[in-house]
């Protein structure tokens, strides 16, 4: 099952249409099965990050059955945020 946190949904809503479509395609891949195609990196335990088009980063939690999109941000913001997750 795929879940998206409200703050991630809010971020998607603020994107321009083209970026919204691209991010949406990457999120759709999460529903198709694990692991998704793309630049996926395990951070720790069940937390991962997935780069989207060298512009955005999705922080994901996957516990075997369920996948949750925790946060979406620009790559620049993500580099500052890595230490806090």
N, C-alpha and C. Protein backbone atom coordinates (compact mmCIF):
# COMPACT_ATOMS: atom_id res chain seq x y z
N UNK A 1 0.84 -1.17 0.00
CA UNK A 1 0.00 0.00 0.00
C UNK A 1 0.89 1.24 0.00
N UNK A 2 0.51 2.24 -0.74
CA UNK A 2 1.27 3.48 -0.83
C UNK A 2 0.54 4.59 -0.07
N UNK A 3 1.30 5.29 0.78
CA UNK A 3 0.76 6.42 1.53
C UNK A 3 1.61 7.65 1.21
N UNK A 4 0.98 8.81 1.22
CA UNK A 4 1.69 10.06 1.00
C UNK A 4 1.32 11.00 2.14
N UNK A 5 2.32 11.47 2.86
CA UNK A 5 2.08 12.39 3.97
C UNK A 5 1.52 13.71 3.45
N UNK A 6 0.68 14.39 4.24
CA UNK A 6 0.07 15.66 3.80
C UNK A 6 1.08 16.72 3.36
N UNK A 7 2.22 16.80 4.05
CA UNK A 7 3.21 17.82 3.66
C UNK A 7 3.78 17.52 2.27
N UNK A 8 3.91 16.24 1.91
CA UNK A 8 4.38 15.87 0.58
C UNK A 8 3.32 16.22 -0.48
N UNK A 9 2.05 15.97 -0.16
CA UNK A 9 0.97 16.34 -1.08
C UNK A 9 0.95 17.84 -1.33
N UNK A 10 1.14 18.61 -0.26
CA UNK A 10 1.13 20.06 -0.37
C UNK A 10 2.27 20.54 -1.27
N UNK A 11 3.45 19.91 -1.14
CA UNK A 11 4.58 20.27 -1.98
C UNK A 11 4.27 20.00 -3.45
N UNK A 12 3.67 18.86 -3.73
CA UNK A 12 3.32 18.50 -5.11
C UNK A 12 2.34 19.50 -5.70
N UNK A 13 1.36 19.92 -4.92
CA UNK A 13 0.36 20.86 -5.39
C UNK A 13 0.97 22.19 -5.81
N UNK A 14 2.09 22.57 -5.23
CA UNK A 14 2.71 23.86 -5.52
C UNK A 14 3.64 23.82 -6.73
N UNK A 15 3.91 22.63 -7.25
CA UNK A 15 4.81 22.51 -8.39
C UNK A 15 4.13 22.95 -9.68
N UNK A 16 4.96 23.34 -10.66
CA UNK A 16 4.41 23.61 -11.98
C UNK A 16 3.97 22.28 -12.59
N UNK A 17 3.11 22.35 -13.58
CA UNK A 17 2.48 21.15 -14.13
C UNK A 17 3.50 20.10 -14.59
N UNK A 18 4.54 20.52 -15.30
CA UNK A 18 5.53 19.58 -15.81
C UNK A 18 6.22 18.84 -14.67
N UNK A 19 6.66 19.57 -13.65
CA UNK A 19 7.33 18.94 -12.51
C UNK A 19 6.37 18.06 -11.73
N UNK A 20 5.12 18.49 -11.60
CA UNK A 20 4.11 17.69 -10.91
C UNK A 20 3.94 16.34 -11.60
N UNK A 21 3.93 16.36 -12.94
CA UNK A 21 3.78 15.12 -13.71
C UNK A 21 4.98 14.21 -13.48
N UNK A 22 6.18 14.77 -13.52
CA UNK A 22 7.40 13.98 -13.35
C UNK A 22 7.47 13.36 -11.96
N UNK A 23 7.20 14.15 -10.94
CA UNK A 23 7.20 13.63 -9.56
C UNK A 23 6.11 12.57 -9.41
N UNK A 24 4.95 12.81 -10.01
CA UNK A 24 3.86 11.84 -9.95
C UNK A 24 4.23 10.52 -10.59
N UNK A 25 4.97 10.56 -11.69
CA UNK A 25 5.41 9.33 -12.34
C UNK A 25 6.33 8.52 -11.42
N UNK A 26 7.22 9.21 -10.72
CA UNK A 26 8.11 8.52 -9.79
C UNK A 26 7.33 7.92 -8.62
N UNK A 27 6.35 8.64 -8.14
CA UNK A 27 5.52 8.10 -7.05
C UNK A 27 4.72 6.91 -7.54
N UNK A 28 4.24 6.95 -8.77
CA UNK A 28 3.50 5.81 -9.33
C UNK A 28 4.37 4.56 -9.39
N UNK A 29 5.66 4.73 -9.63
CA UNK A 29 6.56 3.58 -9.66
C UNK A 29 6.64 2.90 -8.31
N UNK A 30 6.41 3.66 -7.24
CA UNK A 30 6.43 3.07 -5.90
C UNK A 30 5.28 2.10 -5.72
N UNK A 31 4.16 2.34 -6.40
CA UNK A 31 3.01 1.44 -6.33
C UNK A 31 3.24 0.16 -7.10
N UNK A 32 4.08 0.23 -8.12
CA UNK A 32 4.29 -0.91 -9.01
C UNK A 32 5.09 -2.03 -8.36
N UNK A 33 5.87 -1.72 -7.40
CA UNK A 33 6.67 -2.74 -6.73
C UNK A 33 7.93 -2.15 -6.15
N UNK A 34 8.57 -2.95 -5.32
CA UNK A 34 9.76 -2.49 -4.63
C UNK A 34 10.93 -3.33 -5.08
N UNK A 35 12.07 -2.80 -5.32
CA UNK A 35 12.44 -1.40 -5.28
C UNK A 35 12.06 -0.68 -6.58
N UNK A 36 11.81 0.61 -6.50
CA UNK A 36 11.48 1.35 -7.71
C UNK A 36 12.72 1.58 -8.57
N UNK A 37 12.51 1.79 -9.85
CA UNK A 37 13.63 2.12 -10.73
C UNK A 37 14.08 3.55 -10.42
N UNK A 38 15.33 3.82 -10.60
CA UNK A 38 15.83 5.17 -10.39
C UNK A 38 16.95 5.22 -9.38
N UNK A 39 17.29 6.42 -9.00
CA UNK A 39 18.41 6.68 -8.10
C UNK A 39 17.94 6.54 -6.65
N UNK A 40 17.83 5.30 -6.20
CA UNK A 40 17.36 5.00 -4.84
C UNK A 40 18.56 4.71 -3.95
N UNK A 41 18.55 5.30 -2.76
CA UNK A 41 19.63 5.07 -1.81
C UNK A 41 19.05 4.82 -0.44
N UNK A 42 19.51 3.76 0.21
CA UNK A 42 19.07 3.47 1.57
C UNK A 42 19.81 4.39 2.52
N UNK A 43 19.07 5.09 3.36
CA UNK A 43 19.67 5.99 4.34
C UNK A 43 19.96 5.25 5.64
N UNK A 44 18.96 4.61 6.22
CA UNK A 44 19.10 3.78 7.40
C UNK A 44 17.81 3.03 7.61
N UNK A 45 17.89 1.92 8.32
CA UNK A 45 16.74 1.06 8.60
C UNK A 45 15.84 0.92 7.38
N UNK A 46 14.65 1.48 7.44
CA UNK A 46 13.69 1.37 6.34
C UNK A 46 13.47 2.71 5.65
N UNK A 47 14.41 3.62 5.79
CA UNK A 47 14.30 4.95 5.17
C UNK A 47 15.19 5.02 3.93
N UNK A 48 14.63 5.62 2.88
CA UNK A 48 15.32 5.74 1.61
C UNK A 48 15.14 7.16 1.06
N UNK A 49 15.98 7.48 0.08
CA UNK A 49 15.78 8.71 -0.66
C UNK A 49 15.83 8.35 -2.14
N UNK A 50 15.03 9.05 -2.92
CA UNK A 50 14.94 8.83 -4.35
C UNK A 50 15.03 10.17 -5.04
N UNK A 51 16.08 10.35 -5.86
CA UNK A 51 16.21 11.59 -6.63
C UNK A 51 15.26 11.54 -7.81
N UNK A 52 14.64 12.67 -8.10
CA UNK A 52 13.71 12.80 -9.23
C UNK A 52 14.25 13.88 -10.15
N UNK A 53 14.64 13.50 -11.35
CA UNK A 53 15.08 14.44 -12.39
C UNK A 53 16.18 15.40 -11.95
N UNK A 54 17.03 14.97 -11.08
CA UNK A 54 18.14 15.81 -10.60
C UNK A 54 17.67 17.16 -10.07
N UNK A 55 16.42 17.19 -9.66
CA UNK A 55 15.83 18.44 -9.18
C UNK A 55 15.17 18.28 -7.81
N UNK A 56 14.55 17.13 -7.58
CA UNK A 56 13.80 16.89 -6.34
C UNK A 56 14.28 15.61 -5.67
N UNK A 57 14.01 15.51 -4.38
CA UNK A 57 14.31 14.31 -3.61
C UNK A 57 13.06 13.89 -2.86
N UNK A 58 12.74 12.61 -2.94
CA UNK A 58 11.65 12.03 -2.17
C UNK A 58 12.28 11.24 -1.03
N UNK A 59 11.82 11.46 0.19
CA UNK A 59 12.23 10.65 1.32
C UNK A 59 11.11 9.65 1.56
N UNK A 60 11.49 8.38 1.60
CA UNK A 60 10.52 7.28 1.59
C UNK A 60 10.81 6.35 2.76
N UNK A 61 9.74 5.78 3.28
CA UNK A 61 9.85 4.71 4.27
C UNK A 61 9.19 3.48 3.68
N UNK A 62 9.90 2.36 3.70
CA UNK A 62 9.35 1.11 3.16
C UNK A 62 9.58 0.02 4.19
N UNK A 63 8.49 -0.58 4.67
CA UNK A 63 8.62 -1.58 5.73
C UNK A 63 8.32 -3.00 5.27
N UNK A 64 8.37 -3.25 3.99
CA UNK A 64 8.13 -4.60 3.48
C UNK A 64 6.81 -4.71 2.74
N UNK A 65 5.75 -4.13 3.30
CA UNK A 65 4.44 -4.15 2.66
C UNK A 65 3.98 -2.75 2.28
N UNK A 66 4.20 -1.81 3.16
CA UNK A 66 3.72 -0.44 2.95
C UNK A 66 4.88 0.49 2.61
N UNK A 67 4.58 1.44 1.73
CA UNK A 67 5.53 2.47 1.36
C UNK A 67 4.89 3.82 1.65
N UNK A 68 5.63 4.70 2.31
CA UNK A 68 5.14 6.02 2.65
C UNK A 68 6.10 7.07 2.12
N UNK A 69 5.56 8.04 1.37
CA UNK A 69 6.34 9.19 0.95
C UNK A 69 6.28 10.18 2.11
N UNK A 70 7.41 10.35 2.78
CA UNK A 70 7.46 11.17 3.98
C UNK A 70 7.60 12.65 3.67
N UNK A 71 8.47 12.96 2.72
CA UNK A 71 8.80 14.36 2.44
C UNK A 71 9.29 14.46 1.01
N UNK A 72 8.98 15.58 0.36
CA UNK A 72 9.51 15.89 -0.96
C UNK A 72 10.08 17.29 -0.87
N UNK A 73 11.28 17.46 -1.44
CA UNK A 73 11.90 18.78 -1.43
C UNK A 73 12.90 18.86 -2.58
N UNK A 74 13.41 20.06 -2.79
CA UNK A 74 14.43 20.22 -3.82
C UNK A 74 15.70 19.52 -3.33
N UNK A 75 16.58 19.18 -4.25
CA UNK A 75 17.82 18.52 -3.88
C UNK A 75 18.64 19.42 -2.96
N UNK A 76 18.64 20.73 -3.23
CA UNK A 76 19.39 21.66 -2.38
C UNK A 76 18.87 21.63 -0.95
N UNK A 77 17.56 21.64 -0.80
CA UNK A 77 16.97 21.57 0.54
C UNK A 77 17.31 20.24 1.20
N UNK A 78 17.30 19.17 0.42
CA UNK A 78 17.57 17.83 0.96
C UNK A 78 18.98 17.72 1.51
N UNK A 79 19.94 18.31 0.84
CA UNK A 79 21.32 18.24 1.33
C UNK A 79 21.43 18.86 2.72
N UNK A 80 20.68 19.89 2.99
CA UNK A 80 20.68 20.51 4.31
C UNK A 80 19.92 19.67 5.32
N UNK A 81 18.94 18.89 4.84
CA UNK A 81 18.03 18.14 5.70
C UNK A 81 18.56 16.76 6.09
N UNK A 82 19.53 16.22 5.35
CA UNK A 82 20.00 14.85 5.59
C UNK A 82 20.34 14.58 7.04
N UNK A 83 20.95 15.51 7.71
CA UNK A 83 21.36 15.29 9.07
C UNK A 83 20.23 15.23 10.08
N UNK A 84 19.02 15.61 9.67
CA UNK A 84 17.91 15.70 10.62
C UNK A 84 16.91 14.55 10.49
N UNK A 85 17.15 13.59 9.58
CA UNK A 85 16.18 12.51 9.42
C UNK A 85 16.57 11.27 10.19
